[in-house]
Amino acid sequence: MKSPVREASYVGIDLSLTSTGFCYKCGTELAMKTIKTTPKTAENDLERLRYIRKQVMGSIPFNTVMVCIEDFFVPHRPGQINAAKGLIMAGTLVRIAMLEHGLPFYVISPGQLKKFATGKGNGPKGLVIREIYKRWGVNAKDDNQADACVLAHIAETIDQLRRGADVELPKYQQDTITKVREERPRYNVESG
């Protein structure tokens, strides 16, 4: 996925133990993929996490100026706790790798991702797929790619606003970006 382009790239990452969604956007070019893993991908859990980190970091183009990654989900049922622990471990590894590589990134809540895409902070997963097709003409193969696509667009918008660009957005997207810039964790991001 690395591309020798000169324009700035923006990356969105929807981490998962089984199907990580990855999207990069550079101008009008947009590329998405799903990084799939199973317990058989590696000989143990730590090797699997290392594989996910390596695949994600190896997919980020050299000219990336902003990354948005979806925040961890909060389990609502006891059966989701082990999945949440694995996701937290994978997410922490990727975040540390981005921090060490000096990549600027924001951590976006699932509700903010959905609101930026649909105007509502909740709703079925398929709604985001439909909205990215309507808004940007993007066909995502799955909801992980769709979420990553939205995150890449959020990254681009944040960077444009940081640089003082005049960005026209619907009110619900303006509100989302304002909350993200005011309230969400960010790393390696210069003020602006």
N, C-alpha and C. Protein backbone atom coordinates (compact mmCIF):
# COMPACT_ATOMS: atom_id res chain seq x y z
N MET A 1 0.80 -1.21 0.00
CA MET A 1 0.00 0.00 0.00
C MET A 1 0.84 1.27 0.00
N LYS A 2 2.11 1.17 0.30
CA LYS A 2 2.93 2.39 0.31
C LYS A 2 2.98 2.96 -1.09
N SER A 3 2.86 4.26 -1.17
CA SER A 3 2.77 4.92 -2.46
C SER A 3 3.78 6.06 -2.52
N PRO A 4 4.52 6.21 -3.60
CA PRO A 4 5.51 7.28 -3.69
C PRO A 4 4.88 8.60 -4.13
N VAL A 5 3.82 9.01 -3.47
CA VAL A 5 3.14 10.26 -3.82
C VAL A 5 3.71 11.40 -2.99
N ARG A 6 3.50 12.62 -3.47
CA ARG A 6 4.06 13.78 -2.79
C ARG A 6 3.07 14.47 -1.87
N GLU A 7 1.78 14.32 -2.14
CA GLU A 7 0.77 14.96 -1.29
C GLU A 7 0.74 14.31 0.08
N ALA A 8 0.14 15.01 1.02
CA ALA A 8 -0.03 14.45 2.36
C ALA A 8 -1.03 13.30 2.32
N SER A 9 -0.76 12.30 3.13
CA SER A 9 -1.68 11.17 3.27
C SER A 9 -2.31 11.21 4.65
N TYR A 10 -3.51 10.67 4.72
CA TYR A 10 -4.25 10.58 5.96
C TYR A 10 -4.66 9.13 6.13
N VAL A 11 -4.56 8.63 7.37
CA VAL A 11 -4.83 7.22 7.62
C VAL A 11 -5.91 7.07 8.68
N GLY A 12 -6.77 6.09 8.46
CA GLY A 12 -7.77 5.69 9.43
C GLY A 12 -7.58 4.22 9.76
N ILE A 13 -7.64 3.89 11.06
CA ILE A 13 -7.43 2.52 11.50
C ILE A 13 -8.55 2.10 12.44
N ASP A 14 -9.23 1.02 12.08
CA ASP A 14 -10.26 0.41 12.94
C ASP A 14 -9.70 -0.93 13.38
N LEU A 15 -9.04 -0.94 14.54
CA LEU A 15 -8.34 -2.14 15.00
C LEU A 15 -9.30 -3.24 15.43
N SER A 16 -8.89 -4.46 15.12
CA SER A 16 -9.64 -5.65 15.50
C SER A 16 -8.66 -6.81 15.57
N LEU A 17 -8.95 -7.78 16.41
CA LEU A 17 -8.10 -8.97 16.46
C LEU A 17 -8.29 -9.84 15.23
N THR A 18 -9.46 -9.76 14.61
CA THR A 18 -9.75 -10.63 13.46
C THR A 18 -9.77 -9.90 12.13
N SER A 19 -10.21 -8.65 12.10
CA SER A 19 -10.40 -7.92 10.83
C SER A 19 -10.13 -6.44 11.02
N THR A 20 -8.88 -6.04 11.04
CA THR A 20 -8.54 -4.63 11.19
C THR A 20 -8.82 -3.90 9.88
N GLY A 21 -9.61 -2.84 9.96
CA GLY A 21 -9.86 -2.00 8.80
C GLY A 21 -8.78 -0.95 8.69
N PHE A 22 -8.27 -0.75 7.47
CA PHE A 22 -7.21 0.22 7.23
C PHE A 22 -7.56 1.02 5.99
N CYS A 23 -7.41 2.33 6.07
CA CYS A 23 -7.69 3.19 4.92
C CYS A 23 -6.65 4.30 4.89
N TYR A 24 -6.14 4.57 3.69
CA TYR A 24 -5.36 5.79 3.54
C TYR A 24 -5.94 6.61 2.41
N LYS A 25 -5.85 7.91 2.61
CA LYS A 25 -6.40 8.87 1.67
C LYS A 25 -5.29 9.86 1.32
N CYS A 26 -5.12 10.07 0.03
CA CYS A 26 -4.13 11.02 -0.46
C CYS A 26 -4.76 11.76 -1.63
N GLY A 27 -5.16 13.00 -1.41
CA GLY A 27 -5.89 13.73 -2.44
C GLY A 27 -7.19 13.01 -2.73
N THR A 28 -7.41 12.66 -3.99
CA THR A 28 -8.63 11.93 -4.35
C THR A 28 -8.41 10.42 -4.32
N GLU A 29 -7.16 10.00 -4.12
CA GLU A 29 -6.87 8.56 -4.04
C GLU A 29 -7.24 8.03 -2.66
N LEU A 30 -7.91 6.89 -2.65
CA LEU A 30 -8.31 6.26 -1.40
C LEU A 30 -8.08 4.76 -1.55
N ALA A 31 -7.40 4.17 -0.59
CA ALA A 31 -7.15 2.73 -0.62
C ALA A 31 -7.54 2.13 0.72
N MET A 32 -8.23 1.00 0.67
CA MET A 32 -8.67 0.34 1.89
C MET A 32 -8.30 -1.13 1.83
N LYS A 33 -8.09 -1.68 3.01
CA LYS A 33 -7.89 -3.11 3.10
C LYS A 33 -8.32 -3.58 4.49
N THR A 34 -8.49 -4.89 4.59
CA THR A 34 -8.80 -5.51 5.87
C THR A 34 -7.65 -6.46 6.19
N ILE A 35 -7.06 -6.27 7.35
CA ILE A 35 -5.98 -7.14 7.81
C ILE A 35 -6.62 -8.23 8.66
N LYS A 36 -6.64 -9.43 8.10
CA LYS A 36 -7.33 -10.54 8.77
C LYS A 36 -6.34 -11.40 9.55
N THR A 37 -6.77 -11.82 10.73
CA THR A 37 -6.00 -12.77 11.53
C THR A 37 -6.94 -13.74 12.23
N THR A 38 -6.39 -14.86 12.61
CA THR A 38 -7.08 -15.86 13.43
C THR A 38 -6.06 -16.34 14.46
N PRO A 39 -6.49 -17.11 15.44
CA PRO A 39 -5.51 -17.66 16.38
C PRO A 39 -4.43 -18.48 15.67
N LYS A 40 -4.69 -18.97 14.46
CA LYS A 40 -3.72 -19.76 13.72
C LYS A 40 -2.74 -18.90 12.92
N THR A 41 -2.95 -17.58 12.88
CA THR A 41 -2.06 -16.68 12.14
C THR A 41 -0.65 -16.74 12.71
N ALA A 42 -0.54 -16.95 14.00
CA ALA A 42 0.77 -16.98 14.66
C ALA A 42 0.76 -18.09 15.71
N GLU A 43 1.94 -18.41 16.21
CA GLU A 43 2.06 -19.54 17.14
C GLU A 43 1.49 -19.25 18.53
N ASN A 44 1.34 -17.95 18.89
CA ASN A 44 0.73 -17.62 20.18
C ASN A 44 0.12 -16.22 20.09
N ASP A 45 -0.57 -15.83 21.17
CA ASP A 45 -1.28 -14.55 21.18
C ASP A 45 -0.36 -13.35 20.97
N LEU A 46 0.82 -13.37 21.61
CA LEU A 46 1.73 -12.22 21.46
C LEU A 46 2.26 -12.11 20.04
N GLU A 47 2.54 -13.24 19.40
CA GLU A 47 2.98 -13.20 18.00
C GLU A 47 1.86 -12.69 17.10
N ARG A 48 0.64 -13.03 17.43
CA ARG A 48 -0.51 -12.52 16.66
C ARG A 48 -0.60 -11.00 16.79
N LEU A 49 -0.44 -10.50 18.00
CA LEU A 49 -0.48 -9.05 18.22
C LEU A 49 0.66 -8.36 17.49
N ARG A 50 1.84 -8.97 17.52
CA ARG A 50 2.98 -8.42 16.81
C ARG A 50 2.70 -8.38 15.30
N TYR A 51 2.06 -9.43 14.78
CA TYR A 51 1.70 -9.48 13.36
C TYR A 51 0.77 -8.32 13.00
N ILE A 52 -0.25 -8.08 13.82
CA ILE A 52 -1.19 -6.99 13.56
C ILE A 52 -0.44 -5.65 13.55
N ARG A 53 0.40 -5.44 14.56
CA ARG A 53 1.17 -4.19 14.63
C ARG A 53 2.04 -4.02 13.38
N LYS A 54 2.73 -5.09 12.99
CA LYS A 54 3.61 -5.03 11.82
C LYS A 54 2.83 -4.72 10.54
N GLN A 55 1.68 -5.35 10.36
CA GLN A 55 0.86 -5.11 9.17
C GLN A 55 0.34 -3.68 9.14
N VAL A 56 -0.12 -3.18 10.28
CA VAL A 56 -0.64 -1.81 10.33
C VAL A 56 0.49 -0.81 10.06
N MET A 57 1.58 -0.94 10.79
CA MET A 57 2.66 0.03 10.65
C MET A 57 3.29 -0.03 9.26
N GLY A 58 3.37 -1.23 8.67
CA GLY A 58 3.92 -1.38 7.34
C GLY A 58 3.02 -0.84 6.24
N SER A 59 1.77 -0.57 6.58
CA SER A 59 0.82 -0.05 5.59
C SER A 59 0.72 1.47 5.59
N ILE A 60 1.27 2.12 6.60
CA ILE A 60 1.18 3.57 6.71
C ILE A 60 2.19 4.21 5.75
N PRO A 61 1.71 5.00 4.77
CA PRO A 61 2.64 5.64 3.82
C PRO A 61 3.59 6.61 4.51
N PHE A 62 4.75 6.81 3.89
CA PHE A 62 5.78 7.69 4.46
C PHE A 62 5.32 9.13 4.57
N ASN A 63 4.38 9.53 3.76
CA ASN A 63 3.95 10.93 3.73
C ASN A 63 2.70 11.19 4.57
N THR A 64 2.42 10.33 5.53
CA THR A 64 1.24 10.48 6.39
C THR A 64 1.45 11.62 7.37
N VAL A 65 0.50 12.54 7.41
CA VAL A 65 0.60 13.67 8.31
C VAL A 65 -0.39 13.61 9.47
N MET A 66 -1.39 12.72 9.37
CA MET A 66 -2.35 12.58 10.47
C MET A 66 -3.00 11.21 10.37
N VAL A 67 -3.16 10.59 11.54
CA VAL A 67 -3.82 9.29 11.66
C VAL A 67 -4.94 9.43 12.67
N CYS A 68 -6.06 8.78 12.41
CA CYS A 68 -7.11 8.65 13.40
C CYS A 68 -7.36 7.17 13.62
N ILE A 69 -7.42 6.78 14.87
CA ILE A 69 -7.64 5.39 15.25
C ILE A 69 -8.88 5.34 16.14
N GLU A 70 -9.70 4.33 15.93
CA GLU A 70 -10.91 4.22 16.75
C GLU A 70 -10.53 3.77 18.15
N ASP A 71 -11.18 4.36 19.13
CA ASP A 71 -10.94 4.02 20.52
C ASP A 71 -11.49 2.62 20.83
N PHE A 72 -11.10 2.09 21.97
CA PHE A 72 -11.54 0.76 22.39
C PHE A 72 -13.03 0.75 22.67
N PHE A 73 -13.66 -0.40 22.44
CA PHE A 73 -15.06 -0.53 22.80
C PHE A 73 -15.14 -0.99 24.25
N VAL A 74 -16.25 -0.66 24.89
CA VAL A 74 -16.49 -1.08 26.27
C VAL A 74 -17.42 -2.28 26.23
N PRO A 75 -16.98 -3.43 26.77
CA PRO A 75 -17.84 -4.62 26.72
C PRO A 75 -19.10 -4.43 27.57
N HIS A 76 -20.22 -4.89 27.04
CA HIS A 76 -21.48 -4.80 27.76
C HIS A 76 -21.92 -6.15 28.30
N ARG A 77 -21.28 -7.21 27.84
CA ARG A 77 -21.62 -8.55 28.29
C ARG A 77 -20.34 -9.25 28.75
N PRO A 78 -20.45 -10.13 29.74
CA PRO A 78 -19.25 -10.85 30.21
C PRO A 78 -18.51 -11.59 29.10
N GLY A 79 -19.22 -12.09 28.12
CA GLY A 79 -18.59 -12.83 27.03
C GLY A 79 -17.71 -11.97 26.13
N GLN A 80 -17.82 -10.65 26.24
CA GLN A 80 -17.03 -9.74 25.42
C GLN A 80 -15.72 -9.31 26.08
N ILE A 81 -15.53 -9.69 27.34
CA ILE A 81 -14.37 -9.20 28.09
C ILE A 81 -13.05 -9.69 27.49
N ASN A 82 -12.95 -10.95 27.14
CA ASN A 82 -11.69 -11.45 26.56
C ASN A 82 -11.38 -10.77 25.23
N ALA A 83 -12.40 -10.56 24.40
CA ALA A 83 -12.18 -9.86 23.13
C ALA A 83 -11.70 -8.44 23.40
N ALA A 84 -12.29 -7.78 24.39
CA ALA A 84 -11.90 -6.42 24.72
C ALA A 84 -10.45 -6.37 25.21
N LYS A 85 -10.04 -7.34 26.01
CA LYS A 85 -8.66 -7.37 26.50
C LYS A 85 -7.68 -7.53 25.34
N GLY A 86 -7.97 -8.41 24.40
CA GLY A 86 -7.11 -8.59 23.24
C GLY A 86 -7.02 -7.34 22.39
N LEU A 87 -8.16 -6.70 22.20
CA LEU A 87 -8.20 -5.46 21.41
C LEU A 87 -7.40 -4.35 22.10
N ILE A 88 -7.51 -4.27 23.40
CA ILE A 88 -6.75 -3.27 24.14
C ILE A 88 -5.25 -3.52 23.99
N MET A 89 -4.84 -4.78 24.04
CA MET A 89 -3.42 -5.09 23.86
C MET A 89 -2.96 -4.71 22.45
N ALA A 90 -3.73 -5.07 21.43
CA ALA A 90 -3.35 -4.74 20.05
C ALA A 90 -3.32 -3.22 19.86
N GLY A 91 -4.34 -2.55 20.37
CA GLY A 91 -4.41 -1.11 20.24
C GLY A 91 -3.27 -0.39 20.93
N THR A 92 -2.87 -0.91 22.08
CA THR A 92 -1.76 -0.30 22.81
C THR A 92 -0.46 -0.48 22.04
N LEU A 93 -0.23 -1.66 21.50
CA LEU A 93 0.98 -1.89 20.71
C LEU A 93 1.06 -0.95 19.50
N VAL A 94 -0.05 -0.81 18.79
CA VAL A 94 -0.07 0.06 17.61
C VAL A 94 0.12 1.52 18.01
N ARG A 95 -0.53 1.93 19.09
CA ARG A 95 -0.39 3.32 19.54
C ARG A 95 1.05 3.63 19.94
N ILE A 96 1.68 2.71 20.66
CA ILE A 96 3.07 2.93 21.05
C ILE A 96 3.97 2.99 19.82
N ALA A 97 3.73 2.11 18.85
CA ALA A 97 4.53 2.14 17.61
C ALA A 97 4.36 3.47 16.89
N MET A 98 3.13 3.98 16.81
CA MET A 98 2.92 5.27 16.14
C MET A 98 3.59 6.39 16.93
N LEU A 99 3.50 6.33 18.25
CA LEU A 99 4.15 7.33 19.10
C LEU A 99 5.66 7.32 18.86
N GLU A 100 6.25 6.11 18.85
CA GLU A 100 7.70 6.00 18.65
C GLU A 100 8.14 6.45 17.26
N HIS A 101 7.28 6.30 16.26
CA HIS A 101 7.61 6.73 14.90
C HIS A 101 7.29 8.21 14.67
N GLY A 102 6.76 8.87 15.69
CA GLY A 102 6.46 10.30 15.57
C GLY A 102 5.24 10.61 14.73
N LEU A 103 4.38 9.61 14.52
CA LEU A 103 3.18 9.85 13.72
C LEU A 103 2.14 10.59 14.56
N PRO A 104 1.61 11.72 14.06
CA PRO A 104 0.57 12.41 14.79
C PRO A 104 -0.75 11.64 14.67
N PHE A 105 -1.41 11.42 15.82
CA PHE A 105 -2.69 10.70 15.76
C PHE A 105 -3.64 11.12 16.87
N TYR A 106 -4.92 10.99 16.53
CA TYR A 106 -6.03 11.21 17.45
C TYR A 106 -6.73 9.88 17.69
N VAL A 107 -7.30 9.74 18.87
CA VAL A 107 -8.10 8.57 19.22
C VAL A 107 -9.57 9.02 19.21
N ILE A 108 -10.34 8.42 18.32
CA ILE A 108 -11.73 8.84 18.07
C ILE A 108 -12.70 7.85 18.70
N SER A 109 -13.70 8.34 19.40
CA SER A 109 -14.68 7.44 20.01
C SER A 109 -15.57 6.83 18.92
N PRO A 110 -16.09 5.63 19.16
CA PRO A 110 -17.01 5.02 18.19
C PRO A 110 -18.21 5.91 17.87
N GLY A 111 -18.73 6.59 18.89
CA GLY A 111 -19.88 7.48 18.66
C GLY A 111 -19.53 8.67 17.78
N GLN A 112 -18.33 9.23 17.96
CA GLN A 112 -17.91 10.35 17.12
C GLN A 112 -17.70 9.91 15.68
N LEU A 113 -17.15 8.73 15.50
CA LEU A 113 -16.97 8.18 14.15
C LEU A 113 -18.32 8.07 13.45
N LYS A 114 -19.29 7.47 14.15
CA LYS A 114 -20.62 7.30 13.55
C LYS A 114 -21.30 8.65 13.30
N LYS A 115 -21.15 9.58 14.23
CA LYS A 115 -21.79 10.89 14.04
C LYS A 115 -21.19 11.61 12.84
N PHE A 116 -19.88 11.56 12.66
CA PHE A 116 -19.25 12.22 11.52
C PHE A 116 -19.77 11.62 10.21
N ALA A 117 -20.00 10.31 10.20
CA ALA A 117 -20.45 9.63 8.98
C ALA A 117 -21.94 9.77 8.74
N THR A 118 -22.74 9.72 9.80
CA THR A 118 -24.19 9.58 9.62
C THR A 118 -25.02 10.72 10.19
N GLY A 119 -24.42 11.54 11.05
CA GLY A 119 -25.19 12.58 11.73
C GLY A 119 -25.73 12.12 13.06
N LYS A 120 -25.59 10.83 13.37
CA LYS A 120 -26.04 10.27 14.64
C LYS A 120 -24.89 9.50 15.27
N GLY A 121 -24.83 9.51 16.58
CA GLY A 121 -23.74 8.84 17.28
C GLY A 121 -23.94 7.36 17.51
N ASN A 122 -25.03 6.83 16.98
CA ASN A 122 -25.27 5.39 17.12
C ASN A 122 -26.02 4.90 15.90
N GLY A 123 -26.23 3.61 15.85
CA GLY A 123 -26.95 3.03 14.71
C GLY A 123 -26.27 1.75 14.26
N PRO A 124 -26.91 1.03 13.38
CA PRO A 124 -26.35 -0.24 12.91
C PRO A 124 -25.07 -0.03 12.09
N LYS A 125 -24.21 -1.05 12.12
CA LYS A 125 -22.93 -0.97 11.40
C LYS A 125 -23.12 -0.69 9.91
N GLY A 126 -24.12 -1.28 9.30
CA GLY A 126 -24.36 -1.11 7.88
C GLY A 126 -24.65 0.32 7.48
N LEU A 127 -25.10 1.13 8.42
CA LEU A 127 -25.41 2.53 8.12
C LEU A 127 -24.17 3.31 7.70
N VAL A 128 -23.04 3.04 8.32
CA VAL A 128 -21.79 3.73 7.96
C VAL A 128 -21.38 3.33 6.54
N ILE A 129 -21.52 2.06 6.20
CA ILE A 129 -21.19 1.60 4.85
C ILE A 129 -22.03 2.36 3.82
N ARG A 130 -23.32 2.48 4.10
CA ARG A 130 -24.22 3.19 3.18
C ARG A 130 -23.85 4.67 3.07
N GLU A 131 -23.55 5.29 4.20
CA GLU A 131 -23.27 6.72 4.20
C GLU A 131 -21.95 7.07 3.50
N ILE A 132 -20.93 6.23 3.63
CA ILE A 132 -19.68 6.56 2.94
C ILE A 132 -19.85 6.40 1.43
N TYR A 133 -20.74 5.52 1.03
CA TYR A 133 -21.02 5.40 -0.41
C TYR A 133 -21.76 6.65 -0.89
N LYS A 134 -22.78 7.07 -0.14
CA LYS A 134 -23.55 8.26 -0.52
C LYS A 134 -22.70 9.53 -0.51
N ARG A 135 -21.89 9.70 0.51
CA ARG A 135 -21.12 10.94 0.68
C ARG A 135 -19.89 11.01 -0.20
N TRP A 136 -19.13 9.90 -0.27
CA TRP A 136 -17.84 9.93 -0.95
C TRP A 136 -17.73 8.95 -2.12
N GLY A 137 -18.78 8.18 -2.39
CA GLY A 137 -18.74 7.21 -3.48
C GLY A 137 -17.80 6.05 -3.23
N VAL A 138 -17.60 5.71 -1.97
CA VAL A 138 -16.65 4.65 -1.58
C VAL A 138 -17.39 3.35 -1.30
N ASN A 139 -16.96 2.28 -1.95
CA ASN A 139 -17.51 0.95 -1.70
C ASN A 139 -16.59 0.21 -0.73
N ALA A 140 -17.03 0.06 0.50
CA ALA A 140 -16.26 -0.70 1.49
C ALA A 140 -16.69 -2.15 1.44
N LYS A 141 -15.71 -3.05 1.60
CA LYS A 141 -16.02 -4.48 1.59
C LYS A 141 -16.63 -4.94 2.90
N ASP A 142 -16.38 -4.19 3.99
CA ASP A 142 -16.93 -4.56 5.29
C ASP A 142 -17.00 -3.33 6.18
N ASP A 143 -17.60 -3.48 7.35
CA ASP A 143 -17.78 -2.34 8.24
C ASP A 143 -16.45 -1.86 8.81
N ASN A 144 -15.44 -2.73 8.88
CA ASN A 144 -14.13 -2.30 9.37
C ASN A 144 -13.48 -1.32 8.38
N GLN A 145 -13.56 -1.63 7.11
CA GLN A 145 -13.04 -0.71 6.09
C GLN A 145 -13.84 0.59 6.09
N ALA A 146 -15.16 0.49 6.26
CA ALA A 146 -16.00 1.69 6.27
C ALA A 146 -15.61 2.60 7.43
N ASP A 147 -15.43 2.03 8.62
CA ASP A 147 -15.02 2.83 9.77
C ASP A 147 -13.64 3.46 9.52
N ALA A 148 -12.71 2.69 8.97
CA ALA A 148 -11.37 3.23 8.68
C ALA A 148 -11.46 4.38 7.67
N CYS A 149 -12.35 4.27 6.70
CA CYS A 149 -12.55 5.33 5.71
C CYS A 149 -13.01 6.63 6.39
N VAL A 150 -13.97 6.51 7.28
CA VAL A 150 -14.45 7.69 8.02
C VAL A 150 -13.31 8.29 8.84
N LEU A 151 -12.54 7.43 9.49
CA LEU A 151 -11.42 7.91 10.31
C LEU A 151 -10.38 8.65 9.46
N ALA A 152 -10.11 8.17 8.25
CA ALA A 152 -9.17 8.87 7.35
C ALA A 152 -9.72 10.24 6.97
N HIS A 153 -11.02 10.33 6.74
CA HIS A 153 -11.63 11.63 6.42
C HIS A 153 -11.57 12.58 7.63
N ILE A 154 -11.78 12.04 8.82
CA ILE A 154 -11.65 12.86 10.03
C ILE A 154 -10.21 13.37 10.15
N ALA A 155 -9.24 12.48 9.92
CA ALA A 155 -7.82 12.88 10.00
C ALA A 155 -7.53 14.02 9.02
N GLU A 156 -8.03 13.89 7.80
CA GLU A 156 -7.81 14.94 6.80
C GLU A 156 -8.44 16.26 7.24
N THR A 157 -9.65 16.20 7.75
CA THR A 157 -10.35 17.42 8.18
C THR A 157 -9.62 18.09 9.33
N ILE A 158 -9.19 17.29 10.31
CA ILE A 158 -8.44 17.86 11.44
C ILE A 158 -7.18 18.55 10.95
N ASP A 159 -6.44 17.92 10.05
CA ASP A 159 -5.21 18.52 9.55
C ASP A 159 -5.49 19.79 8.76
N GLN A 160 -6.51 19.78 7.93
CA GLN A 160 -6.85 20.98 7.16
C GLN A 160 -7.18 22.14 8.10
N LEU A 161 -7.96 21.87 9.13
CA LEU A 161 -8.33 22.92 10.08
C LEU A 161 -7.11 23.40 10.87
N ARG A 162 -6.22 22.48 11.24
CA ARG A 162 -4.98 22.86 11.94
C ARG A 162 -4.14 23.81 11.11
N ARG A 163 -4.16 23.61 9.79
CA ARG A 163 -3.38 24.46 8.90
C ARG A 163 -4.12 25.73 8.50
N GLY A 164 -5.32 25.92 9.03
CA GLY A 164 -6.08 27.14 8.77
C GLY A 164 -6.87 27.13 7.48
N ALA A 165 -7.07 25.98 6.87
CA ALA A 165 -7.85 25.89 5.64
C ALA A 165 -9.32 26.16 5.93
N ASP A 166 -10.00 26.66 4.94
CA ASP A 166 -11.44 26.89 5.03
C ASP A 166 -12.13 25.59 4.59
N VAL A 167 -12.70 24.89 5.55
CA VAL A 167 -13.32 23.60 5.27
C VAL A 167 -14.83 23.72 5.48
N GLU A 168 -15.58 23.40 4.43
CA GLU A 168 -17.04 23.42 4.54
C GLU A 168 -17.54 22.04 4.93
N LEU A 169 -18.26 22.00 6.05
CA LEU A 169 -18.79 20.74 6.56
C LEU A 169 -20.23 20.94 7.01
N PRO A 170 -21.03 19.87 6.95
CA PRO A 170 -22.36 19.96 7.57
C PRO A 170 -22.20 20.22 9.08
N LYS A 171 -23.20 20.80 9.69
CA LYS A 171 -23.13 21.16 11.11
C LYS A 171 -22.76 19.98 11.99
N TYR A 172 -23.32 18.80 11.76
CA TYR A 172 -23.02 17.65 12.63
C TYR A 172 -21.55 17.24 12.51
N GLN A 173 -20.94 17.43 11.33
CA GLN A 173 -19.52 17.13 11.20
C GLN A 173 -18.67 18.21 11.88
N GLN A 174 -19.09 19.47 11.74
CA GLN A 174 -18.39 20.55 12.43
C GLN A 174 -18.39 20.30 13.93
N ASP A 175 -19.57 19.95 14.47
CA ASP A 175 -19.70 19.69 15.90
C ASP A 175 -18.81 18.53 16.34
N THR A 176 -18.76 17.48 15.52
CA THR A 176 -17.94 16.32 15.83
C THR A 176 -16.46 16.69 15.87
N ILE A 177 -16.00 17.38 14.85
CA ILE A 177 -14.58 17.77 14.78
C ILE A 177 -14.22 18.70 15.94
N THR A 178 -15.10 19.62 16.29
CA THR A 178 -14.84 20.52 17.42
C THR A 178 -14.66 19.71 18.70
N LYS A 179 -15.55 18.75 18.95
CA LYS A 179 -15.44 17.93 20.16
C LYS A 179 -14.16 17.08 20.14
N VAL A 180 -13.85 16.51 18.98
CA VAL A 180 -12.63 15.70 18.87
C VAL A 180 -11.42 16.56 19.22
N ARG A 181 -11.32 17.74 18.63
CA ARG A 181 -10.15 18.60 18.84
C ARG A 181 -10.06 19.11 20.27
N GLU A 182 -11.21 19.26 20.93
CA GLU A 182 -11.22 19.76 22.30
C GLU A 182 -11.04 18.67 23.34
N GLU A 183 -11.57 17.47 23.07
CA GLU A 183 -11.71 16.49 24.14
C GLU A 183 -10.95 15.17 23.95
N ARG A 184 -10.59 14.80 22.75
CA ARG A 184 -10.04 13.46 22.53
C ARG A 184 -8.53 13.41 22.72
N PRO A 185 -8.03 12.24 23.15
CA PRO A 185 -6.58 12.07 23.27
C PRO A 185 -5.89 12.25 21.92
N ARG A 186 -4.73 12.89 21.95
CA ARG A 186 -3.93 13.09 20.74
C ARG A 186 -2.47 12.96 21.13
N TYR A 187 -1.69 12.52 20.16
CA TYR A 187 -0.26 12.27 20.40
C TYR A 187 0.54 12.78 19.21
N ASN A 188 1.70 13.33 19.48
CA ASN A 188 2.60 13.86 18.44
C ASN A 188 1.90 14.92 17.58
N VAL A 189 0.91 15.59 18.14
CA VAL A 189 0.16 16.60 17.38
C VAL A 189 0.58 17.98 17.88
N GLU A 190 1.07 18.80 16.94
CA GLU A 190 1.42 20.18 17.28
C GLU A 190 0.13 20.95 17.46
N SER A 191 0.17 21.97 18.30
CA SER A 191 -1.03 22.78 18.52
C SER A 191 -1.36 23.53 17.24
N GLY A 192 -2.63 23.83 17.12
CA GLY A 192 -3.06 24.57 15.93
C GLY A 192 -4.45 24.25 15.55
